[in-house]
Amino acid sequence: MLAGPLLAIGLLVGLLISILQATTQIQEQTLVFVPKLLAVGLTLLAFGSWMLQVMSGFVYGLLTAMGNVLR
């Protein structure tokens, strides 16, 4: 759930750059890396607060459940 948006954007950008490379016959490996890195970074900025809320809720629920088991 947390990795989904980042992986989806990375996959989409990588696919678009690969199609661009295939049509222009430019086979430079670094051409894929930089746009993917920027896209994943921007996605992390956009979804970071939501991801932190989901992770915090999970950890809170986990610790609460552990506390109930130990009583």
C-alpha atoms as a PDB file:
ATOM      1  CA  MET A   1       0.000   0.000   0.000  1.00  0.00           C
ATOM      2  CA  LEU A   2       2.832   2.388   0.784  1.00  0.00           C
ATOM      3  CA  ALA A   3       5.137   1.383  -2.040  1.00  0.00           C
ATOM      4  CA  GLY A   4       2.371   1.244  -4.658  1.00  0.00           C
ATOM      5  CA  PRO A   5       2.293   4.901  -5.735  1.00  0.00           C
ATOM      6  CA  LEU A   6       6.086   5.130  -5.912  1.00  0.00           C
ATOM      7  CA  LEU A   7       6.444   1.900  -7.873  1.00  0.00           C
ATOM      8  CA  ALA A   8       3.610   2.791 -10.246  1.00  0.00           C
ATOM      9  CA  ILE A   9       5.084   6.195 -11.077  1.00  0.00           C
ATOM     10  CA  GLY A  10       8.564   4.705 -11.493  1.00  0.00           C
ATOM     11  CA  LEU A  11       7.187   2.038 -13.815  1.00  0.00           C
ATOM     12  CA  LEU A  12       5.177   4.531 -15.859  1.00  0.00           C
ATOM     13  CA  VAL A  13       8.077   6.967 -16.279  1.00  0.00           C
ATOM     14  CA  GLY A  14      10.459   4.126 -17.124  1.00  0.00           C
ATOM     15  CA  LEU A  15       8.040   2.798 -19.743  1.00  0.00           C
ATOM     16  CA  LEU A  16       7.558   6.230 -21.327  1.00  0.00           C
ATOM     17  CA  ILE A  17      11.306   6.881 -21.457  1.00  0.00           C
ATOM     18  CA  SER A  18      11.908   3.408 -22.931  1.00  0.00           C
ATOM     19  CA  ILE A  19       9.352   4.077 -25.665  1.00  0.00           C
ATOM     20  CA  LEU A  20      11.035   7.422 -26.356  1.00  0.00           C
ATOM     21  CA  GLN A  21      14.436   5.722 -26.533  1.00  0.00           C
ATOM     22  CA  ALA A  22      13.115   3.039 -28.889  1.00  0.00           C
ATOM     23  CA  THR A  23      11.594   5.584 -31.266  1.00  0.00           C
ATOM     24  CA  THR A  24      14.634   7.865 -31.328  1.00  0.00           C
ATOM     25  CA  GLN A  25      17.202   5.020 -31.107  1.00  0.00           C
ATOM     26  CA  ILE A  26      19.033   6.762 -28.254  1.00  0.00           C
ATOM     27  CA  GLN A  27      20.398   4.010 -25.989  1.00  0.00           C
ATOM     28  CA  GLU A  28      21.755   6.028 -23.086  1.00  0.00           C
ATOM     29  CA  GLN A  29      21.242   4.326 -19.691  1.00  0.00           C
ATOM     30  CA  THR A  30      21.422   7.525 -17.657  1.00  0.00           C
ATOM     31  CA  LEU A  31      18.517   8.972 -19.641  1.00  0.00           C
ATOM     32  CA  VAL A  32      16.166   6.620 -17.772  1.00  0.00           C
ATOM     33  CA  PHE A  33      17.652   7.140 -14.315  1.00  0.00           C
ATOM     34  CA  VAL A  34      17.309  10.907 -13.886  1.00  0.00           C
ATOM     35  CA  PRO A  35      13.627  11.304 -14.914  1.00  0.00           C
ATOM     36  CA  LYS A  36      12.694   8.251 -12.835  1.00  0.00           C
ATOM     37  CA  LEU A  37      14.516   9.661  -9.823  1.00  0.00           C
ATOM     38  CA  LEU A  38      12.794  13.041 -10.204  1.00  0.00           C
ATOM     39  CA  ALA A  39       9.358  11.467 -10.689  1.00  0.00           C
ATOM     40  CA  VAL A  40       9.709   9.215  -7.646  1.00  0.00           C
ATOM     41  CA  GLY A  41      10.993  12.143  -5.576  1.00  0.00           C
ATOM     42  CA  LEU A  42       8.055  14.331  -6.576  1.00  0.00           C
ATOM     43  CA  THR A  43       5.651  11.479  -5.864  1.00  0.00           C
ATOM     44  CA  LEU A  44       7.215  11.053  -2.443  1.00  0.00           C
ATOM     45  CA  LEU A  45       6.710  14.766  -1.777  1.00  0.00           C
ATOM     46  CA  ALA A  46       3.093  14.564  -2.929  1.00  0.00           C
ATOM     47  CA  PHE A  47       2.151  11.372  -1.047  1.00  0.00           C
ATOM     48  CA  GLY A  48       4.612  11.603   1.851  1.00  0.00           C
ATOM     49  CA  SER A  49       2.180  12.894   4.459  1.00  0.00           C
ATOM     50  CA  TRP A  50      -0.416  10.265   3.533  1.00  0.00           C
ATOM     51  CA  MET A  51       2.225   7.535   3.678  1.00  0.00           C
ATOM     52  CA  LEU A  52       3.348   8.737   7.098  1.00  0.00           C
ATOM     53  CA  GLN A  53      -0.254   8.708   8.372  1.00  0.00           C
ATOM     54  CA  VAL A  54      -0.809   5.159   7.119  1.00  0.00           C
ATOM     55  CA  MET A  55       2.458   3.964   8.643  1.00  0.00           C
ATOM     56  CA  SER A  56       1.745   5.710  11.957  1.00  0.00           C
ATOM     57  CA  GLY A  57      -1.718   4.159  12.118  1.00  0.00           C
ATOM     58  CA  PHE A  58      -0.270   0.730  11.429  1.00  0.00           C
ATOM     59  CA  VAL A  59       2.407   1.061  14.117  1.00  0.00           C
ATOM     60  CA  TYR A  60      -0.126   2.399  16.626  1.00  0.00           C
ATOM     61  CA  GLY A  61      -2.464  -0.521  15.932  1.00  0.00           C
ATOM     62  CA  LEU A  62       0.424  -2.970  16.170  1.00  0.00           C
ATOM     63  CA  LEU A  63       1.642  -1.612  19.488  1.00  0.00           C
ATOM     64  CA  THR A  64      -1.921  -1.510  20.858  1.00  0.00           C
ATOM     65  CA  ALA A  65      -2.455  -5.132  19.861  1.00  0.00           C
ATOM     66  CA  MET A  66       0.840  -6.120  21.452  1.00  0.00           C
ATOM     67  CA  GLY A  67      -0.157  -4.319  24.637  1.00  0.00           C
ATOM     68  CA  ASN A  68      -3.453  -6.177  24.750  1.00  0.00           C
ATOM     69  CA  VAL A  69      -1.726  -9.529  24.294  1.00  0.00           C
ATOM     70  CA  LEU A  70       0.795  -8.880  27.047  1.00  0.00           C
ATOM     71  CA  ARG A  71      -1.856  -8.028  29.664  1.00  0.00           C
END
